[in-house]
PDB file of N, CA and C in Angstrom:
ATOM      1  N   MET A   1     114.286  85.201  94.941  1.00  0.00           N
ATOM      2  CA  MET A   1     113.674  86.499  96.102  1.00  0.00           C
ATOM      3  C   MET A   1     112.227  86.924  96.173  1.00  0.00           C
ATOM      4  N   HIS A   2     111.755  87.133  97.139  1.00  0.00           N
ATOM      5  CA  HIS A   2     110.453  87.681  96.657  1.00  0.00           C
ATOM      6  C   HIS A   2     109.535  88.264  97.737  1.00  0.00           C
ATOM      7  N   ILE A   3     110.115  89.785  97.402  1.00  0.00           N
ATOM      8  CA  ILE A   3     109.635  90.984  98.217  1.00  0.00           C
ATOM      9  C   ILE A   3     107.988  92.170  97.879  1.00  0.00           C
ATOM     10  N   VAL A   4     107.783  91.968  99.412  1.00  0.00           N
ATOM     11  CA  VAL A   4     106.495  92.475  99.450  1.00  0.00           C
ATOM     12  C   VAL A   4     106.891  93.936 100.426  1.00  0.00           C
ATOM     13  N   LEU A   5     106.335  95.209  99.242  1.00  0.00           N
ATOM     14  CA  LEU A   5     105.767  96.280 100.025  1.00  0.00           C
ATOM     15  C   LEU A   5     104.435  96.590 100.903  1.00  0.00           C
ATOM     16  N   VAL A   6     104.573  96.892 102.233  1.00  0.00           N
ATOM     17  CA  VAL A   6     102.599  96.774 102.519  1.00  0.00           C
ATOM     18  C   VAL A   6     102.600  98.430 102.947  1.00  0.00           C
ATOM     19  N   ASP A   7     101.713  98.702 102.242  1.00  0.00           N
ATOM     20  CA  ASP A   7     101.267 100.628 102.810  1.00  0.00           C
ATOM     21  C   ASP A   7     100.090 100.470 103.147  1.00  0.00           C
ATOM     22  N   ILE A   8      99.783 101.318 104.722  1.00  0.00           N
ATOM     23  CA  ILE A   8      99.291 100.639 105.795  1.00  0.00           C
ATOM     24  C   ILE A   8      99.064 102.244 105.822  1.00  0.00           C
ATOM     25  N   HIS A   9      97.695 102.395 106.422  1.00  0.00           N
ATOM     26  CA  HIS A   9      97.316 103.972 107.322  1.00  0.00           C
ATOM     27  C   HIS A   9      96.797 103.476 108.566  1.00  0.00           C
ATOM     28  N   VAL A  10      96.955 104.355 109.049  1.00  0.00           N
ATOM     29  CA  VAL A  10      96.177 103.657 111.099  1.00  0.00           C
ATOM     30  C   VAL A  10      95.240 105.189 111.450  1.00  0.00           C
ATOM     31  N   LYS A  11      94.661 104.412 111.863  1.00  0.00           N
ATOM     32  CA  LYS A  11      93.162 105.449 112.789  1.00  0.00           C
ATOM     33  C   LYS A  11      94.115 106.107 113.684  1.00  0.00           C
ATOM     34  N   PRO A  12      93.909 107.315 113.592  1.00  0.00           N
ATOM     35  CA  PRO A  12      95.247 108.238 115.136  1.00  0.00           C
ATOM     36  C   PRO A  12      94.683 108.022 116.350  1.00  0.00           C
ATOM     37  N   GLU A  13      93.474 107.314 116.844  1.00  0.00           N
ATOM     38  CA  GLU A  13      93.670 106.713 118.188  1.00  0.00           C
ATOM     39  C   GLU A  13      94.173 105.324 118.127  1.00  0.00           C
ATOM     40  N   HIS A  14      94.385 104.857 116.956  1.00  0.00           N
ATOM     41  CA  HIS A  14      95.116 103.815 117.758  1.00  0.00           C
ATOM     42  C   HIS A  14      97.034 103.523 116.871  1.00  0.00           C
ATOM     43  N   LEU A  15      97.340 104.313 117.260  1.00  0.00           N
ATOM     44  CA  LEU A  15      98.543 104.120 116.825  1.00  0.00           C
ATOM     45  C   LEU A  15      99.527 103.652 117.894  1.00  0.00           C
ATOM     46  N   GLU A  16      99.290 103.950 119.168  1.00  0.00           N
ATOM     47  CA  GLU A  16     100.225 102.782 119.742  1.00  0.00           C
ATOM     48  C   GLU A  16      99.962 101.214 119.923  1.00  0.00           C
ATOM     49  N   ARG A  17      98.538 101.094 119.771  1.00  0.00           N
ATOM     50  CA  ARG A  17      98.651  99.586 119.755  1.00  0.00           C
ATOM     51  C   ARG A  17      98.917  98.940 118.565  1.00  0.00           C
ATOM     52  N   PHE A  18      98.721 100.048 117.255  1.00  0.00           N
ATOM     53  CA  PHE A  18      99.589  99.264 116.376  1.00  0.00           C
ATOM     54  C   PHE A  18     100.965  99.044 115.799  1.00  0.00           C
ATOM     55  N   ILE A  19     101.567  99.851 116.536  1.00  0.00           N
ATOM     56  CA  ILE A  19     102.829 100.087 116.753  1.00  0.00           C
ATOM     57  C   ILE A  19     102.885  99.040 117.236  1.00  0.00           C
ATOM     58  N   GLU A  20     103.007  98.917 118.978  1.00  0.00           N
ATOM     59  CA  GLU A  20     103.118  97.422 119.704  1.00  0.00           C
ATOM     60  C   GLU A  20     103.008  96.423 119.146  1.00  0.00           C
ATOM     61  N   LEU A  21     101.347  96.276 118.258  1.00  0.00           N
ATOM     62  CA  LEU A  21     101.381  94.701 117.382  1.00  0.00           C
ATOM     63  C   LEU A  21     102.220  94.303 116.554  1.00  0.00           C
ATOM     64  N   THR A  22     102.933  95.856 115.575  1.00  0.00           N
ATOM     65  CA  THR A  22     103.069  95.152 114.200  1.00  0.00           C
ATOM     66  C   THR A  22     105.160  95.200 114.925  1.00  0.00           C
ATOM     67  N   THR A  23     105.280  95.951 115.759  1.00  0.00           N
ATOM     68  CA  THR A  23     107.132  95.692 116.404  1.00  0.00           C
ATOM     69  C   THR A  23     106.571  94.112 116.740  1.00  0.00           C
ATOM     70  N   ASP A  24     105.936  93.141 117.680  1.00  0.00           N
ATOM     71  CA  ASP A  24     105.725  91.982 118.036  1.00  0.00           C
ATOM     72  C   ASP A  24     105.914  91.225 116.873  1.00  0.00           C
ATOM     73  N   ASN A  25     105.096  91.849 115.592  1.00  0.00           N
ATOM     74  CA  ASN A  25     104.909  90.600 114.278  1.00  0.00           C
ATOM     75  C   ASN A  25     106.161  90.884 113.594  1.00  0.00           C
ATOM     76  N   ALA A  26     107.243  92.249 113.796  1.00  0.00           N
ATOM     77  CA  ALA A  26     108.237  92.308 112.832  1.00  0.00           C
ATOM     78  C   ALA A  26     109.537  91.669 113.234  1.00  0.00           C
ATOM     79  N   GLY A  27     109.170  91.586 114.257  1.00  0.00           N
ATOM     80  CA  GLY A  27     110.426  91.403 115.436  1.00  0.00           C
ATOM     81  C   GLY A  27     110.530  89.465 115.237  1.00  0.00           C
ATOM     82  N   ASN A  28     109.455  88.952 115.362  1.00  0.00           N
ATOM     83  CA  ASN A  28     109.105  87.665 115.154  1.00  0.00           C
ATOM     84  C   ASN A  28     109.629  87.665 114.207  1.00  0.00           C
ATOM     85  N   SER A  29     109.135  88.005 113.049  1.00  0.00           N
ATOM     86  CA  SER A  29     109.236  87.689 111.931  1.00  0.00           C
ATOM     87  C   SER A  29     110.845  87.241 111.192  1.00  0.00           C
ATOM     88  N   ARG A  30     111.742  88.637 111.348  1.00  0.00           N
ATOM     89  CA  ARG A  30     112.424  88.192 111.702  1.00  0.00           C
ATOM     90  C   ARG A  30     113.753  87.228 112.108  1.00  0.00           C
ATOM     91  N   GLN A  31     112.779  86.040 112.852  1.00  0.00           N
ATOM     92  CA  GLN A  31     113.616  84.749 113.779  1.00  0.00           C
ATOM     93  C   GLN A  31     113.551  83.868 112.205  1.00  0.00           C
ATOM     94  N   GLU A  32     112.316  84.334 111.848  1.00  0.00           N
ATOM     95  CA  GLU A  32     112.290  83.361 110.868  1.00  0.00           C
ATOM     96  C   GLU A  32     112.890  82.960 109.455  1.00  0.00           C
ATOM     97  N   PRO A  33     112.905  81.688 109.286  1.00  0.00           N
ATOM     98  CA  PRO A  33     114.744  81.366 108.252  1.00  0.00           C
ATOM     99  C   PRO A  33     114.271  81.805 107.219  1.00  0.00           C
ATOM    100  N   GLY A  34     113.648  81.970 106.786  1.00  0.00           N
ATOM    101  CA  GLY A  34     113.409  82.374 105.469  1.00  0.00           C
ATOM    102  C   GLY A  34     113.300  83.828 104.763  1.00  0.00           C
ATOM    103  N   VAL A  35     113.043  84.798 106.017  1.00  0.00           N
ATOM    104  CA  VAL A  35     112.837  85.810 105.867  1.00  0.00           C
ATOM    105  C   VAL A  35     114.418  86.395 106.243  1.00  0.00           C
ATOM    106  N   LEU A  36     114.665  87.425 105.090  1.00  0.00           N
ATOM    107  CA  LEU A  36     115.910  88.365 104.962  1.00  0.00           C
ATOM    108  C   LEU A  36     115.914  89.202 105.554  1.00  0.00           C
ATOM    109  N   ARG A  37     114.573  90.058 105.433  1.00  0.00           N
ATOM    110  CA  ARG A  37     114.120  91.201 105.665  1.00  0.00           C
ATOM    111  C   ARG A  37     113.042  91.395 106.534  1.00  0.00           C
ATOM    112  N   PHE A  38     112.706  92.015 107.021  1.00  0.00           N
ATOM    113  CA  PHE A  38     111.409  92.612 107.919  1.00  0.00           C
ATOM    114  C   PHE A  38     111.533  93.476 108.685  1.00  0.00           C
ATOM    115  N   ASP A  39     111.302  95.105 107.770  1.00  0.00           N
ATOM    116  CA  ASP A  39     111.537  96.614 108.272  1.00  0.00           C
ATOM    117  C   ASP A  39     109.812  97.154 108.424  1.00  0.00           C
ATOM    118  N   PHE A  40     109.533  97.675 109.349  1.00  0.00           N
ATOM    119  CA  PHE A  40     108.508  98.449 110.212  1.00  0.00           C
ATOM    120  C   PHE A  40     108.787  99.381 110.313  1.00  0.00           C
ATOM    121  N   ILE A  41     108.386 100.612 109.347  1.00  0.00           N
ATOM    122  CA  ILE A  41     108.795 101.963 108.988  1.00  0.00           C
ATOM    123  C   ILE A  41     107.729 103.340 109.190  1.00  0.00           C
ATOM    124  N   GLN A  42     107.826 104.511 109.883  1.00  0.00           N
ATOM    125  CA  GLN A  42     106.632 105.272 110.095  1.00  0.00           C
ATOM    126  C   GLN A  42     106.532 106.498 108.932  1.00  0.00           C
ATOM    127  N   ASP A  43     105.583 107.402 108.245  1.00  0.00           N
ATOM    128  CA  ASP A  43     106.399 108.226 107.676  1.00  0.00           C
ATOM    129  C   ASP A  43     106.385 109.225 108.563  1.00  0.00           C
ATOM    130  N   LYS A  44     107.728 110.269 108.561  1.00  0.00           N
ATOM    131  CA  LYS A  44     107.976 110.760 109.589  1.00  0.00           C
ATOM    132  C   LYS A  44     106.990 112.177 108.926  1.00  0.00           C
ATOM    133  N   ASP A  45     106.393 113.058 108.146  1.00  0.00           N
ATOM    134  CA  ASP A  45     105.349 113.433 107.540  1.00  0.00           C
ATOM    135  C   ASP A  45     103.676 113.670 108.159  1.00  0.00           C
ATOM    136  N   ASP A  46     103.909 112.160 108.051  1.00  0.00           N
ATOM    137  CA  ASP A  46     101.978 111.446 108.550  1.00  0.00           C
ATOM    138  C   ASP A  46     102.139 110.192 109.777  1.00  0.00           C
ATOM    139  N   PRO A  47     101.954 110.822 110.882  1.00  0.00           N
ATOM    140  CA  PRO A  47     102.883 109.524 111.464  1.00  0.00           C
ATOM    141  C   PRO A  47     101.258 108.262 111.762  1.00  0.00           C
ATOM    142  N   THR A  48     100.531 108.230 111.122  1.00  0.00           N
ATOM    143  CA  THR A  48      99.673 107.159 111.041  1.00  0.00           C
ATOM    144  C   THR A  48      99.964 106.548 109.420  1.00  0.00           C
ATOM    145  N   HIS A  49     101.014 107.135 108.800  1.00  0.00           N
ATOM    146  CA  HIS A  49     100.966 106.158 107.700  1.00  0.00           C
ATOM    147  C   HIS A  49     102.495 105.269 108.244  1.00  0.00           C
ATOM    148  N   PHE A  50     102.279 103.956 107.850  1.00  0.00           N
ATOM    149  CA  PHE A  50     103.400 103.442 107.967  1.00  0.00           C
ATOM    150  C   PHE A  50     103.751 102.327 106.607  1.00  0.00           C
ATOM    151  N   ALA A  51     104.533 101.356 106.529  1.00  0.00           N
ATOM    152  CA  ALA A  51     104.618 100.685 105.568  1.00  0.00           C
ATOM    153  C   ALA A  51     105.969  99.253 106.130  1.00  0.00           C
ATOM    154  N   LEU A  52     105.366  98.168 105.657  1.00  0.00           N
ATOM    155  CA  LEU A  52     106.569  97.007 105.626  1.00  0.00           C
ATOM    156  C   LEU A  52     106.761  96.662 104.215  1.00  0.00           C
ATOM    157  N   VAL A  53     108.697  96.734 104.836  1.00  0.00           N
ATOM    158  CA  VAL A  53     109.584  96.118 103.721  1.00  0.00           C
ATOM    159  C   VAL A  53     109.468  94.475 104.174  1.00  0.00           C
ATOM    160  N   GLU A  54     109.028  93.909 103.220  1.00  0.00           N
ATOM    161  CA  GLU A  54     109.377  92.328 104.023  1.00  0.00           C
ATOM    162  C   GLU A  54     110.273  91.148 102.118  1.00  0.00           C
ATOM    163  N   VAL A  55     111.614  90.520 102.895  1.00  0.00           N
ATOM    164  CA  VAL A  55     112.123  90.099 101.793  1.00  0.00           C
ATOM    165  C   VAL A  55     111.867  88.883 102.383  1.00  0.00           C
ATOM    166  N   TYR A  56     111.434  87.937 101.569  1.00  0.00           N
ATOM    167  CA  TYR A  56     111.659  86.786 101.672  1.00  0.00           C
ATOM    168  C   TYR A  56     112.832  85.781 100.635  1.00  0.00           C
ATOM    169  N   ARG A  57     113.372  85.002 101.041  1.00  0.00           N
ATOM    170  CA  ARG A  57     113.845  83.635 100.009  1.00  0.00           C
ATOM    171  C   ARG A  57     112.885  83.524  98.941  1.00  0.00           C
ATOM    172  N   THR A  58     111.719  82.626  99.017  1.00  0.00           N
ATOM    173  CA  THR A  58     111.087  82.176  98.480  1.00  0.00           C
ATOM    174  C   THR A  58     109.379  82.368  98.659  1.00  0.00           C
ATOM    175  N   PRO A  59     108.712  82.011  97.523  1.00  0.00           N
ATOM    176  CA  PRO A  59     107.171  82.665  98.186  1.00  0.00           C
ATOM    177  C   PRO A  59     106.572  81.572  98.908  1.00  0.00           C
ATOM    178  N   GLU A  60     106.952  79.781  99.143  1.00  0.00           N
ATOM    179  CA  GLU A  60     107.232  79.265  99.513  1.00  0.00           C
ATOM    180  C   GLU A  60     106.903  79.451 101.675  1.00  0.00           C
ATOM    181  N   ASP A  61     108.199  80.551 101.250  1.00  0.00           N
ATOM    182  CA  ASP A  61     108.811  81.013 102.754  1.00  0.00           C
ATOM    183  C   ASP A  61     107.531  82.339 103.562  1.00  0.00           C
ATOM    184  N   VAL A  62     107.190  83.119 102.276  1.00  0.00           N
ATOM    185  CA  VAL A  62     105.426  83.657 102.769  1.00  0.00           C
ATOM    186  C   VAL A  62     104.559  82.899 103.450  1.00  0.00           C
ATOM    187  N   GLU A  63     104.316  81.758 102.096  1.00  0.00           N
ATOM    188  CA  GLU A  63     103.531  80.805 102.865  1.00  0.00           C
ATOM    189  C   GLU A  63     103.143  80.445 104.507  1.00  0.00           C
ATOM    190  N   ARG A  64     105.246  80.078 104.793  1.00  0.00           N
ATOM    191  CA  ARG A  64     105.320  79.511 106.180  1.00  0.00           C
ATOM    192  C   ARG A  64     104.983  81.055 106.722  1.00  0.00           C
ATOM    193  N   HIS A  65     105.900  81.846 106.929  1.00  0.00           N
ATOM    194  CA  HIS A  65     105.966  83.469 107.389  1.00  0.00           C
ATOM    195  C   HIS A  65     103.936  83.571 108.149  1.00  0.00           C
ATOM    196  N   ARG A  66     103.383  82.945 106.771  1.00  0.00           N
ATOM    197  CA  ARG A  66     101.758  83.988 107.155  1.00  0.00           C
ATOM    198  C   ARG A  66     100.669  82.165 107.809  1.00  0.00           C
ATOM    199  N   GLU A  67     101.512  80.646 108.601  1.00  0.00           N
ATOM    200  CA  GLU A  67     101.403  79.920 109.671  1.00  0.00           C
ATOM    201  C   GLU A  67     101.614  80.477 110.806  1.00  0.00           C
ATOM    202  N   THR A  68     102.872  81.518 110.717  1.00  0.00           N
ATOM    203  CA  THR A  68     102.359  81.341 112.280  1.00  0.00           C
ATOM    204  C   THR A  68     102.220  81.816 113.053  1.00  0.00           C
ATOM    205  N   ALA A  69     102.185  81.889 114.566  1.00  0.00           N
ATOM    206  CA  ALA A  69     101.800  82.127 115.503  1.00  0.00           C
ATOM    207  C   ALA A  69     101.577  84.051 115.396  1.00  0.00           C
ATOM    208  N   HIS A  70     102.772  84.931 115.229  1.00  0.00           N
ATOM    209  CA  HIS A  70     102.898  86.207 115.336  1.00  0.00           C
ATOM    210  C   HIS A  70     101.913  86.771 114.245  1.00  0.00           C
ATOM    211  N   TYR A  71     102.250  86.284 113.270  1.00  0.00           N
ATOM    212  CA  TYR A  71     101.427  86.714 111.818  1.00  0.00           C
ATOM    213  C   TYR A  71      99.993  86.947 112.029  1.00  0.00           C
ATOM    214  N   LEU A  72      99.433  85.636 112.741  1.00  0.00           N
ATOM    215  CA  LEU A  72      98.087  85.580 113.062  1.00  0.00           C
ATOM    216  C   LEU A  72      97.160  86.170 114.170  1.00  0.00           C
ATOM    217  N   ARG A  73      98.374  86.598 114.952  1.00  0.00           N
ATOM    218  CA  ARG A  73      98.149  87.643 115.581  1.00  0.00           C
ATOM    219  C   ARG A  73      97.331  89.047 115.650  1.00  0.00           C
ATOM    220  N   TRP A  74      98.840  89.294 114.355  1.00  0.00           N
ATOM    221  CA  TRP A  74      98.654  90.543 113.519  1.00  0.00           C
ATOM    222  C   TRP A  74      97.787  90.786 112.639  1.00  0.00           C
ATOM    223  N   ARG A  75      97.271  89.416 112.067  1.00  0.00           N
ATOM    224  CA  ARG A  75      96.450  89.175 110.830  1.00  0.00           C
ATOM    225  C   ARG A  75      95.249  89.984 111.484  1.00  0.00           C
ATOM    226  N   ASP A  76      94.792  89.417 112.894  1.00  0.00           N
ATOM    227  CA  ASP A  76      93.425  88.919 113.873  1.00  0.00           C
ATOM    228  C   ASP A  76      93.140  90.055 114.187  1.00  0.00           C
ATOM    229  N   SER A  77      94.363  91.110 114.134  1.00  0.00           N
ATOM    230  CA  SER A  77      94.137  92.682 115.394  1.00  0.00           C
ATOM    231  C   SER A  77      94.430  93.556 113.762  1.00  0.00           C
ATOM    232  N   ALA A  78      95.258  93.859 113.263  1.00  0.00           N
ATOM    233  CA  ALA A  78      95.547  94.887 113.213  1.00  0.00           C
ATOM    234  C   ALA A  78      94.539  95.672 112.068  1.00  0.00           C
ATOM    235  N   PRO A  79      94.335  94.878 111.199  1.00  0.00           N
ATOM    236  CA  PRO A  79      92.710  95.353 110.116  1.00  0.00           C
ATOM    237  C   PRO A  79      91.860  96.389 110.846  1.00  0.00           C
ATOM    238  N   ASP A  80      91.422  96.025 112.239  1.00  0.00           N
ATOM    239  CA  ASP A  80      90.478  96.752 112.829  1.00  0.00           C
ATOM    240  C   ASP A  80      90.932  98.102 113.221  1.00  0.00           C
ATOM    241  N   LEU A  81      92.610  98.209 113.260  1.00  0.00           N
ATOM    242  CA  LEU A  81      93.182  99.385 113.703  1.00  0.00           C
ATOM    243  C   LEU A  81      93.559 100.709 112.541  1.00  0.00           C
ATOM    244  N   MET A  82      93.164  99.778 111.222  1.00  0.00           N
ATOM    245  CA  MET A  82      93.438 100.610 110.201  1.00  0.00           C
ATOM    246  C   MET A  82      92.280 101.355 109.032  1.00  0.00           C
ATOM    247  N   ALA A  83      92.849 102.613 109.143  1.00  0.00           N
ATOM    248  CA  ALA A  83      91.765 103.846 108.555  1.00  0.00           C
ATOM    249  C   ALA A  83      91.205 103.166 107.289  1.00  0.00           C
ATOM    250  N   GLN A  84      92.174 102.076 106.345  1.00  0.00           N
ATOM    251  CA  GLN A  84      91.868 102.111 105.256  1.00  0.00           C
ATOM    252  C   GLN A  84      92.201 100.421 104.950  1.00  0.00           C
ATOM    253  N   PRO A  85      91.987  99.323 104.142  1.00  0.00           N
ATOM    254  CA  PRO A  85      92.514  98.372 103.719  1.00  0.00           C
ATOM    255  C   PRO A  85      94.203  98.386 103.629  1.00  0.00           C
ATOM    256  N   ARG A  86      95.378  97.700 103.780  1.00  0.00           N
ATOM    257  CA  ARG A  86      96.424  97.835 103.623  1.00  0.00           C
ATOM    258  C   ARG A  86      96.313  97.581 102.323  1.00  0.00           C
ATOM    259  N   VAL A  87      97.785  97.763 101.734  1.00  0.00           N
ATOM    260  CA  VAL A  87      97.639  97.363  99.658  1.00  0.00           C
ATOM    261  C   VAL A  87      99.185  97.057  99.961  1.00  0.00           C
ATOM    262  N   GLY A  88      99.727  95.982  99.598  1.00  0.00           N
ATOM    263  CA  GLY A  88     100.375  94.634  99.386  1.00  0.00           C
ATOM    264  C   GLY A  88     100.863  94.651  98.035  1.00  0.00           C
ATOM    265  N   THR A  89     102.072  95.584  97.533  1.00  0.00           N
ATOM    266  CA  THR A  89     102.778  95.656  96.566  1.00  0.00           C
ATOM    267  C   THR A  89     103.657  94.622  96.702  1.00  0.00           C
ATOM    268  N   LYS A  90     103.870  93.734  94.991  1.00  0.00           N
ATOM    269  CA  LYS A  90     104.815  92.536  95.206  1.00  0.00           C
ATOM    270  C   LYS A  90     105.799  93.249  94.130  1.00  0.00           C
ATOM    271  N   TYR A  91     107.510  93.181  94.536  1.00  0.00           N
ATOM    272  CA  TYR A  91     108.501  93.206  93.317  1.00  0.00           C
ATOM    273  C   TYR A  91     109.472  92.475  93.307  1.00  0.00           C
ATOM    274  N   ARG A  92     110.311  92.570  92.415  1.00  0.00           N
ATOM    275  CA  ARG A  92     111.141  91.982  92.229  1.00  0.00           C
ATOM    276  C   ARG A  92     112.641  92.572  92.442  1.00  0.00           C
ATOM    277  N   ASN A  93     113.694  92.085  92.740  1.00  0.00           N
ATOM    278  CA  ASN A  93     114.816  93.175  93.156  1.00  0.00           C
ATOM    279  C   ASN A  93     115.902  92.593  91.801  1.00  0.00           C
ATOM    280  N   ILE A  94     116.708  93.760  91.531  1.00  0.00           N
ATOM    281  CA  ILE A  94     117.003  94.083  90.807  1.00  0.00           C
ATOM    282  C   ILE A  94     119.155  93.979  91.181  1.00  0.00           C
ATOM    283  N   ASP A  95     119.245  94.923  92.085  1.00  0.00           N
ATOM    284  CA  ASP A  95     120.481  94.849  92.906  1.00  0.00           C
ATOM    285  C   ASP A  95     120.569  95.641  94.087  1.00  0.00           C
ATOM    286  N   PRO A  96     121.082  94.502  95.187  1.00  0.00           N
ATOM    287  CA  PRO A  96     121.380  93.467  94.680  1.00  0.00           C
ATOM    288  C   PRO A  96     120.761  92.033  94.048  1.00  0.00           C
ATOM    289  N   THR A  97     121.739  91.395  93.363  1.00  0.00           N
ATOM    290  CA  THR A  97     120.958  90.567  93.062  1.00  0.00           C
ATOM    291  C   THR A  97     121.152  88.696  93.593  1.00  0.00           C
ATOM    292  N   ASP A  98     119.675  88.220  93.656  1.00  0.00           N
ATOM    293  CA  ASP A  98     119.400  86.959  94.488  1.00  0.00           C
ATOM    294  C   ASP A  98     120.168  86.044  95.088  1.00  0.00           C
ATOM    295  N   GLU A  99     121.262  86.233  94.228  1.00  0.00           N
ATOM    296  CA  GLU A  99     123.249  85.493  94.798  1.00  0.00           C
ATOM    297  C   GLU A  99     123.816  86.829  96.329  1.00  0.00           C
ATOM    298  N   ALA A 100     123.772  87.791  95.857  1.00  0.00           N
ATOM    299  CA  ALA A 100     124.262  88.798  96.928  1.00  0.00           C
ATOM    300  C   ALA A 100     123.408  88.797  97.925  1.00  0.00           C
ATOM    301  N   TRP A 101     122.137  88.366  98.479  1.00  0.00           N
ATOM    302  CA  TRP A 101     121.599  88.486  99.575  1.00  0.00           C
ATOM    303  C   TRP A 101     122.262  87.343 100.312  1.00  0.00           C
TER     304      TRP A 101
END
């Protein structure tokens, strides 16, 4: 598994547009064969704070994701809406194991 958590802070005046763009990206990403999860979540206490929880079968699936039209739309538009650059952290799964996915 290849797991990435992306931490994002958005400018308050751009919340609606950011949610629109990221919902499009997340929904389309979940249709990709190598994507096992692609969750878009918002902090309950800080509505400008979001996270993406991305789980791919392989690192190659991440590269294929980065070539899709929906990701390219998001990549080219979302940074201008952010209060600071996004931070992605890579993880390895422990439980469930790779085989359980």
